[in-house]
Amino acid sequence: MSLADQCPGGMLLTYEGLGHTAYGRGGTCVTEKVDAYPVGLKPVRPGATC
């Protein structure tokens, strides 16, 4: 069970790259998907990968 599954309304965005944190350094794919939720309430789709 992923952490996203344990949190009500949780979402999982998988980053296929090196390191543990991709926000701000994983390219526009990660940044745009993460920023889209607090700015426009657009959730990350299940199975989303960058």
PDB file of N, CA and C in Angstrom:
ATOM      1  N   MET A   1       0.857  -1.174   0.000  1.00  0.00           N
ATOM      2  CA  MET A   1       0.000   0.000   0.000  1.00  0.00           C
ATOM      3  C   MET A   1       0.901   1.233   0.000  1.00  0.00           C
ATOM      4  N   SER A   2       0.661   2.141  -0.933  1.00  0.00           N
ATOM      5  CA  SER A   2       1.473   3.358  -1.021  1.00  0.00           C
ATOM      6  C   SER A   2       0.985   4.390  -0.010  1.00  0.00           C
ATOM      7  N   LEU A   3       1.835   5.364   0.247  1.00  0.00           N
ATOM      8  CA  LEU A   3       1.457   6.447   1.146  1.00  0.00           C
ATOM      9  C   LEU A   3       0.229   7.175   0.616  1.00  0.00           C
ATOM     10  N   ALA A   4       0.157   7.356  -0.690  1.00  0.00           N
ATOM     11  CA  ALA A   4      -1.007   8.022  -1.291  1.00  0.00           C
ATOM     12  C   ALA A   4      -2.291   7.266  -0.971  1.00  0.00           C
ATOM     13  N   ASP A   5      -2.242   5.933  -0.920  1.00  0.00           N
ATOM     14  CA  ASP A   5      -3.420   5.129  -0.595  1.00  0.00           C
ATOM     15  C   ASP A   5      -3.833   5.295   0.866  1.00  0.00           C
ATOM     16  N   GLN A   6      -2.896   5.635   1.722  1.00  0.00           N
ATOM     17  CA  GLN A   6      -3.164   5.767   3.153  1.00  0.00           C
ATOM     18  C   GLN A   6      -3.723   7.133   3.534  1.00  0.00           C
ATOM     19  N   CYS A   7      -3.628   8.090   2.631  1.00  0.00           N
ATOM     20  CA  CYS A   7      -4.091   9.456   2.905  1.00  0.00           C
ATOM     21  C   CYS A   7      -5.368   9.729   2.125  1.00  0.00           C
ATOM     22  N   PRO A   8      -6.424  10.163   2.799  1.00  0.00           N
ATOM     23  CA  PRO A   8      -7.653  10.492   2.079  1.00  0.00           C
ATOM     24  C   PRO A   8      -7.377  11.562   1.021  1.00  0.00           C
ATOM     25  N   GLY A   9      -7.752  11.285  -0.202  1.00  0.00           N
ATOM     26  CA  GLY A   9      -7.523  12.225  -1.290  1.00  0.00           C
ATOM     27  C   GLY A   9      -6.085  12.253  -1.782  1.00  0.00           C
ATOM     28  N   GLY A  10      -5.273  11.302  -1.312  1.00  0.00           N
ATOM     29  CA  GLY A  10      -3.866  11.262  -1.709  1.00  0.00           C
ATOM     30  C   GLY A  10      -3.701  10.902  -3.181  1.00  0.00           C
ATOM     31  N   MET A  11      -2.621  11.400  -3.776  1.00  0.00           N
ATOM     32  CA  MET A  11      -2.317  11.134  -5.181  1.00  0.00           C
ATOM     33  C   MET A  11      -0.855  10.736  -5.293  1.00  0.00           C
ATOM     34  N   LEU A  12      -0.539   9.936  -6.281  1.00  0.00           N
ATOM     35  CA  LEU A  12       0.831   9.490  -6.494  1.00  0.00           C
ATOM     36  C   LEU A  12       1.272   9.883  -7.900  1.00  0.00           C
ATOM     37  N   LEU A  13       2.416  10.556  -7.973  1.00  0.00           N
ATOM     38  CA  LEU A  13       3.050  10.886  -9.241  1.00  0.00           C
ATOM     39  C   LEU A  13       4.400  10.188  -9.234  1.00  0.00           C
ATOM     40  N   THR A  14       4.609   9.273 -10.157  1.00  0.00           N
ATOM     41  CA  THR A  14       5.860   8.526 -10.221  1.00  0.00           C
ATOM     42  C   THR A  14       6.843   9.264 -11.108  1.00  0.00           C
ATOM     43  N   TYR A  15       8.059   9.422 -10.595  1.00  0.00           N
ATOM     44  CA  TYR A  15       9.135  10.069 -11.351  1.00  0.00           C
ATOM     45  C   TYR A  15      10.150   9.007 -11.715  1.00  0.00           C
ATOM     46  N   GLU A  16      10.385   8.835 -12.992  1.00  0.00           N
ATOM     47  CA  GLU A  16      11.369   7.863 -13.467  1.00  0.00           C
ATOM     48  C   GLU A  16      12.687   8.584 -13.701  1.00  0.00           C
ATOM     49  N   GLY A  17      13.498   8.639 -12.676  1.00  0.00           N
ATOM     50  CA  GLY A  17      14.767   9.334 -12.745  1.00  0.00           C
ATOM     51  C   GLY A  17      15.571   9.058 -11.486  1.00  0.00           C
ATOM     52  N   LEU A  18      16.686   9.716 -11.353  1.00  0.00           N
ATOM     53  CA  LEU A  18      17.555   9.522 -10.206  1.00  0.00           C
ATOM     54  C   LEU A  18      17.134  10.408  -9.047  1.00  0.00           C
ATOM     55  N   GLY A  19      17.308   9.889  -7.826  1.00  0.00           N
ATOM     56  CA  GLY A  19      17.040  10.672  -6.630  1.00  0.00           C
ATOM     57  C   GLY A  19      15.672  10.406  -6.043  1.00  0.00           C
ATOM     58  N   HIS A  20      15.433  11.020  -4.898  1.00  0.00           N
ATOM     59  CA  HIS A  20      14.178  10.813  -4.165  1.00  0.00           C
ATOM     60  C   HIS A  20      13.190  11.953  -4.354  1.00  0.00           C
ATOM     61  N   THR A  21      13.683  13.116  -4.703  1.00  0.00           N
ATOM     62  CA  THR A  21      12.821  14.285  -4.844  1.00  0.00           C
ATOM     63  C   THR A  21      12.982  14.847  -6.248  1.00  0.00           C
ATOM     64  N   ALA A  22      11.878  15.051  -6.930  1.00  0.00           N
ATOM     65  CA  ALA A  22      11.956  15.534  -8.309  1.00  0.00           C
ATOM     66  C   ALA A  22      11.398  16.938  -8.471  1.00  0.00           C
ATOM     67  N   TYR A  23      10.619  17.420  -7.518  1.00  0.00           N
ATOM     68  CA  TYR A  23      10.004  18.740  -7.660  1.00  0.00           C
ATOM     69  C   TYR A  23      11.097  19.801  -7.722  1.00  0.00           C
ATOM     70  N   GLY A  24      11.023  20.628  -8.747  1.00  0.00           N
ATOM     71  CA  GLY A  24      11.995  21.694  -8.904  1.00  0.00           C
ATOM     72  C   GLY A  24      13.266  21.271  -9.615  1.00  0.00           C
ATOM     73  N   ARG A  25      13.441  19.974  -9.855  1.00  0.00           N
ATOM     74  CA  ARG A  25      14.623  19.512 -10.560  1.00  0.00           C
ATOM     75  C   ARG A  25      14.333  18.350 -11.494  1.00  0.00           C
ATOM     76  N   GLY A  26      13.073  17.940 -11.586  1.00  0.00           N
ATOM     77  CA  GLY A  26      12.694  16.815 -12.432  1.00  0.00           C
ATOM     78  C   GLY A  26      12.131  17.223 -13.777  1.00  0.00           C
ATOM     79  N   GLY A  27      12.299  18.475 -14.126  1.00  0.00           N
ATOM     80  CA  GLY A  27      11.789  18.948 -15.402  1.00  0.00           C
ATOM     81  C   GLY A  27      10.376  19.477 -15.284  1.00  0.00           C
ATOM     82  N   THR A  28       9.859  19.975 -16.391  1.00  0.00           N
ATOM     83  CA  THR A  28       8.542  20.605 -16.373  1.00  0.00           C
ATOM     84  C   THR A  28       7.406  19.620 -16.122  1.00  0.00           C
ATOM     85  N   CYS A  29       7.581  18.380 -16.473  1.00  0.00           N
ATOM     86  CA  CYS A  29       6.520  17.383 -16.262  1.00  0.00           C
ATOM     87  C   CYS A  29       6.128  17.333 -14.789  1.00  0.00           C
ATOM     88  N   VAL A  30       7.102  17.175 -13.922  1.00  0.00           N
ATOM     89  CA  VAL A  30       6.838  17.077 -12.478  1.00  0.00           C
ATOM     90  C   VAL A  30       6.297  18.400 -11.952  1.00  0.00           C
ATOM     91  N   THR A  31       6.987  19.479 -12.240  1.00  0.00           N
ATOM     92  CA  THR A  31       6.598  20.781 -11.702  1.00  0.00           C
ATOM     93  C   THR A  31       5.183  21.166 -12.119  1.00  0.00           C
ATOM     94  N   GLU A  32       4.838  20.978 -13.380  1.00  0.00           N
ATOM     95  CA  GLU A  32       3.501  21.336 -13.859  1.00  0.00           C
ATOM     96  C   GLU A  32       2.417  20.494 -13.203  1.00  0.00           C
ATOM     97  N   LYS A  33       2.659  19.191 -13.055  1.00  0.00           N
ATOM     98  CA  LYS A  33       1.652  18.320 -12.445  1.00  0.00           C
ATOM     99  C   LYS A  33       1.464  18.631 -10.959  1.00  0.00           C
ATOM    100  N   VAL A  34       2.553  18.897 -10.259  1.00  0.00           N
ATOM    101  CA  VAL A  34       2.459  19.210  -8.829  1.00  0.00           C
ATOM    102  C   VAL A  34       1.802  20.575  -8.626  1.00  0.00           C
ATOM    103  N   ASP A  35       2.213  21.571  -9.387  1.00  0.00           N
ATOM    104  CA  ASP A  35       1.653  22.916  -9.242  1.00  0.00           C
ATOM    105  C   ASP A  35       0.185  22.995  -9.665  1.00  0.00           C
ATOM    106  N   ALA A  36      -0.251  22.130 -10.540  1.00  0.00           N
ATOM    107  CA  ALA A  36      -1.622  22.176 -11.039  1.00  0.00           C
ATOM    108  C   ALA A  36      -2.657  21.906  -9.951  1.00  0.00           C
ATOM    109  N   TYR A  37      -2.285  21.206  -8.886  1.00  0.00           N
ATOM    110  CA  TYR A  37      -3.278  20.913  -7.846  1.00  0.00           C
ATOM    111  C   TYR A  37      -3.566  22.113  -6.950  1.00  0.00           C
ATOM    112  N   PRO A  38      -2.581  22.714  -6.289  1.00  0.00           N
ATOM    113  CA  PRO A  38      -2.926  23.848  -5.423  1.00  0.00           C
ATOM    114  C   PRO A  38      -3.373  25.094  -6.192  1.00  0.00           C
ATOM    115  N   VAL A  39      -2.947  25.222  -7.433  1.00  0.00           N
ATOM    116  CA  VAL A  39      -3.310  26.407  -8.215  1.00  0.00           C
ATOM    117  C   VAL A  39      -4.688  26.239  -8.853  1.00  0.00           C
ATOM    118  N   GLY A  40      -4.946  25.094  -9.482  1.00  0.00           N
ATOM    119  CA  GLY A  40      -6.204  24.906 -10.206  1.00  0.00           C
ATOM    120  C   GLY A  40      -7.025  23.712  -9.756  1.00  0.00           C
ATOM    121  N   LEU A  41      -6.625  23.072  -8.644  1.00  0.00           N
ATOM    122  CA  LEU A  41      -7.299  21.878  -8.112  1.00  0.00           C
ATOM    123  C   LEU A  41      -7.411  20.752  -9.134  1.00  0.00           C
ATOM    124  N   LYS A  42      -6.419  20.667 -10.025  1.00  0.00           N
ATOM    125  CA  LYS A  42      -6.379  19.588 -11.015  1.00  0.00           C
ATOM    126  C   LYS A  42      -5.587  18.432 -10.406  1.00  0.00           C
ATOM    127  N   PRO A  43      -6.254  17.323 -10.082  1.00  0.00           N
ATOM    128  CA  PRO A  43      -5.541  16.201  -9.446  1.00  0.00           C
ATOM    129  C   PRO A  43      -4.631  15.461 -10.426  1.00  0.00           C
ATOM    130  N   VAL A  44      -3.649  14.787  -9.856  1.00  0.00           N
ATOM    131  CA  VAL A  44      -2.777  13.920 -10.641  1.00  0.00           C
ATOM    132  C   VAL A  44      -3.576  12.665 -10.974  1.00  0.00           C
ATOM    133  N   ARG A  45      -3.588  12.279 -12.229  1.00  0.00           N
ATOM    134  CA  ARG A  45      -4.346  11.088 -12.633  1.00  0.00           C
ATOM    135  C   ARG A  45      -3.687   9.825 -12.096  1.00  0.00           C
ATOM    136  N   PRO A  46      -4.483   8.814 -11.731  1.00  0.00           N
ATOM    137  CA  PRO A  46      -3.904   7.546 -11.275  1.00  0.00           C
ATOM    138  C   PRO A  46      -2.951   6.969 -12.333  1.00  0.00           C
ATOM    139  N   GLY A  47      -1.791   6.539 -11.902  1.00  0.00           N
ATOM    140  CA  GLY A  47      -0.806   5.965 -12.808  1.00  0.00           C
ATOM    141  C   GLY A  47       0.067   6.986 -13.512  1.00  0.00           C
ATOM    142  N   ALA A  48      -0.059   8.270 -13.135  1.00  0.00           N
ATOM    143  CA  ALA A  48       0.718   9.327 -13.783  1.00  0.00           C
ATOM    144  C   ALA A  48       2.210   9.124 -13.556  1.00  0.00           C
ATOM    145  N   THR A  49       2.988   9.308 -14.606  1.00  0.00           N
ATOM    146  CA  THR A  49       4.437   9.124 -14.561  1.00  0.00           C
ATOM    147  C   THR A  49       5.113  10.257 -15.327  1.00  0.00           C
ATOM    148  N   CYS A  50       6.238  10.678 -14.811  1.00  0.00           N
ATOM    149  CA  CYS A  50       7.069  11.683 -15.498  1.00  0.00           C
ATOM    150  C   CYS A  50       8.440  11.088 -15.734  1.00  0.00           C
TER     151      CYS A  50
END
